[in-house]
Protein backbone atom coordinates (compact mmCIF):
# COMPACT_ATOMS: atom_id res chain seq x y z
CA MET A 1 107.73 92.20 64.80
CA THR A 2 109.34 89.69 67.13
CA ALA A 3 106.80 86.97 67.70
CA ASP A 4 106.44 83.32 68.44
CA LYS A 5 103.40 81.08 68.64
CA ARG A 6 102.21 83.13 71.64
CA GLY A 7 102.01 86.36 69.61
CA PRO A 8 104.03 89.57 69.46
CA ARG A 9 106.28 90.48 72.37
CA ILE A 10 104.99 93.16 74.71
CA HIS A 11 107.25 95.86 76.12
CA ARG A 12 106.18 97.62 79.32
CA MET A 13 107.72 100.68 80.91
CA THR A 14 106.65 101.84 84.36
CA LEU A 15 107.68 105.23 85.72
CA PHE A 16 107.52 106.20 89.40
CA LYS A 17 107.79 109.50 91.23
CA ILE A 18 109.25 108.58 94.62
CA PRO A 19 111.04 111.52 96.28
CA ASP A 20 112.63 109.57 99.17
CA GLU A 21 115.79 107.61 98.26
CA THR A 22 115.11 104.97 100.92
CA ASN A 23 111.73 104.23 99.31
CA GLN A 24 113.33 104.19 95.86
CA LYS A 25 115.67 101.45 97.12
CA ARG A 26 112.74 99.52 98.62
CA LEU A 27 111.00 99.51 95.24
CA LEU A 28 114.16 98.39 93.43
CA ASP A 29 114.62 95.61 96.01
CA ALA A 30 111.04 94.49 95.31
CA TYR A 31 111.76 94.36 91.57
CA HIS A 32 114.78 92.19 92.37
CA VAL A 33 112.43 89.76 94.16
CA VAL A 34 110.13 89.70 91.10
CA ALA A 35 113.09 88.87 88.85
CA GLU A 36 114.36 86.11 91.13
CA GLU A 37 110.94 84.57 91.79
CA GLN A 38 109.93 84.26 88.15
CA LYS A 39 113.10 82.24 87.47
CA LYS A 40 111.86 79.49 89.78
CA LEU A 41 110.07 76.65 88.01
CA ASP A 42 107.03 76.81 90.30
CA SER A 43 106.69 80.54 89.59
CA GLN A 44 106.69 80.16 85.81
CA LYS A 45 103.64 80.19 83.58
CA ASP A 46 103.10 76.83 81.89
CA GLY A 47 106.70 75.87 82.77
CA LYS A 48 108.16 78.84 80.86
CA PRO A 49 109.40 82.22 82.05
CA TYR A 50 106.72 84.84 81.42
CA ILE A 51 109.23 87.69 81.81
CA LEU A 52 111.84 87.66 79.06
CA GLN A 53 113.70 90.69 80.36
CA LEU A 54 113.37 92.89 83.43
CA THR A 55 115.47 95.87 84.40
CA ALA A 56 114.82 98.69 86.82
CA GLY A 57 116.83 101.56 88.21
CA LYS A 58 116.93 105.13 89.40
CA THR A 59 116.54 107.72 86.68
CA LEU A 60 119.43 110.01 85.86
CA PRO A 61 119.26 113.47 87.43
CA ASP A 62 118.00 115.50 84.50
CA GLN A 63 115.11 117.91 84.08
CA LYS A 64 113.83 115.74 81.20
CA ALA A 65 112.95 113.11 83.83
CA ARG A 66 110.02 115.38 84.88
CA GLY A 67 110.18 114.21 88.47
CA TYR A 68 110.27 110.48 87.72
CA THR A 69 112.85 108.90 89.99
CA VAL A 70 112.58 105.16 89.23
CA ALA A 71 111.89 103.39 85.94
CA SER A 72 111.34 99.74 85.09
CA TYR A 73 111.27 97.91 81.78
CA ILE A 74 109.80 94.44 81.32
CA GLU A 75 109.56 92.42 78.12
CA PHE A 76 106.87 89.75 77.93
CA ALA A 77 106.57 86.99 75.33
CA SER A 78 102.90 87.84 74.79
CA MET A 79 99.93 89.87 75.99
CA ASP A 80 98.73 86.76 77.87
CA ASP A 81 102.04 86.68 79.77
CA MET A 82 101.62 90.34 80.74
CA ARG A 83 98.08 89.59 81.94
CA TYR A 84 99.46 86.69 83.98
CA TYR A 85 102.00 89.08 85.55
CA ASP A 86 99.27 91.60 86.37
CA ASN A 87 96.71 89.15 87.73
CA GLU A 88 98.44 85.99 88.99
CA CYS A 89 102.12 86.66 89.68
CA LEU A 90 102.63 86.49 93.46
CA ALA A 91 105.84 88.53 93.36
CA HIS A 92 104.07 91.29 91.41
CA ALA A 93 101.23 91.20 93.94
CA MET A 94 103.83 91.81 96.66
CA LEU A 95 105.28 94.68 94.64
CA LYS A 96 101.82 96.26 94.35
CA GLU A 97 101.24 95.82 98.10
CA ILE A 98 104.25 97.91 99.07
CA GLY A 99 103.25 100.70 96.69
CA PRO A 100 101.13 102.68 99.17
CA SER A 101 103.99 102.71 101.71
CA LEU A 102 106.43 104.27 99.22
CA ASN A 103 104.87 107.75 99.35
CA LEU A 104 104.55 108.06 95.60
CA SER A 105 103.88 111.62 94.42
CA GLU A 106 101.27 110.19 92.04
CA PRO A 107 100.24 106.78 90.67
CA PRO A 108 102.88 105.19 88.42
CA THR A 109 102.75 105.81 84.68
CA ILE A 110 102.60 102.53 82.73
CA LEU A 111 103.24 102.37 79.00
CA CYS A 112 102.93 99.17 76.96
CA PHE A 113 103.74 98.62 73.31
CA GLU A 114 104.44 95.95 70.71
CA LYS A 115 107.81 96.13 69.03
CA SER A 116 107.75 97.58 65.53
CA ASN A 117 110.24 96.84 62.79
CA LEU A 118 111.87 100.22 63.47
CA THR A 119 115.37 99.93 64.88
CA ALA A 120 118.23 102.35 65.39
CA ALA A 121 120.87 99.68 66.01
CA GLN A 122 123.37 99.18 63.26
CA GLU A 123 124.47 95.78 62.06
CA PRO A 124 128.25 95.19 62.36
């Protein structure tokens, strides 16, 4: 498990069903703001970035997507950092505020997990 003094890293995937492409772009633009804001020193938690990695994009057109059109992945250094993101991050609050205007087919699906020692990557 990847860990530091803050505990194991937390991986969070969020899946959205947003039929309209314009609204999909609005959500992705909002994620861009989250990524840019958390880089600023005054937006960091205890002077450190609380988001280690953030990526978001439209899903590939495939029936396995089950109607999900946008996915995001965020890696946090700890559970406390994820709680900070959920409860205190101003950029995330803005992201949550635009949610009702995106005409989501249903509430987003959020999955969180700690990394296990399982890996499929091969060492060179």
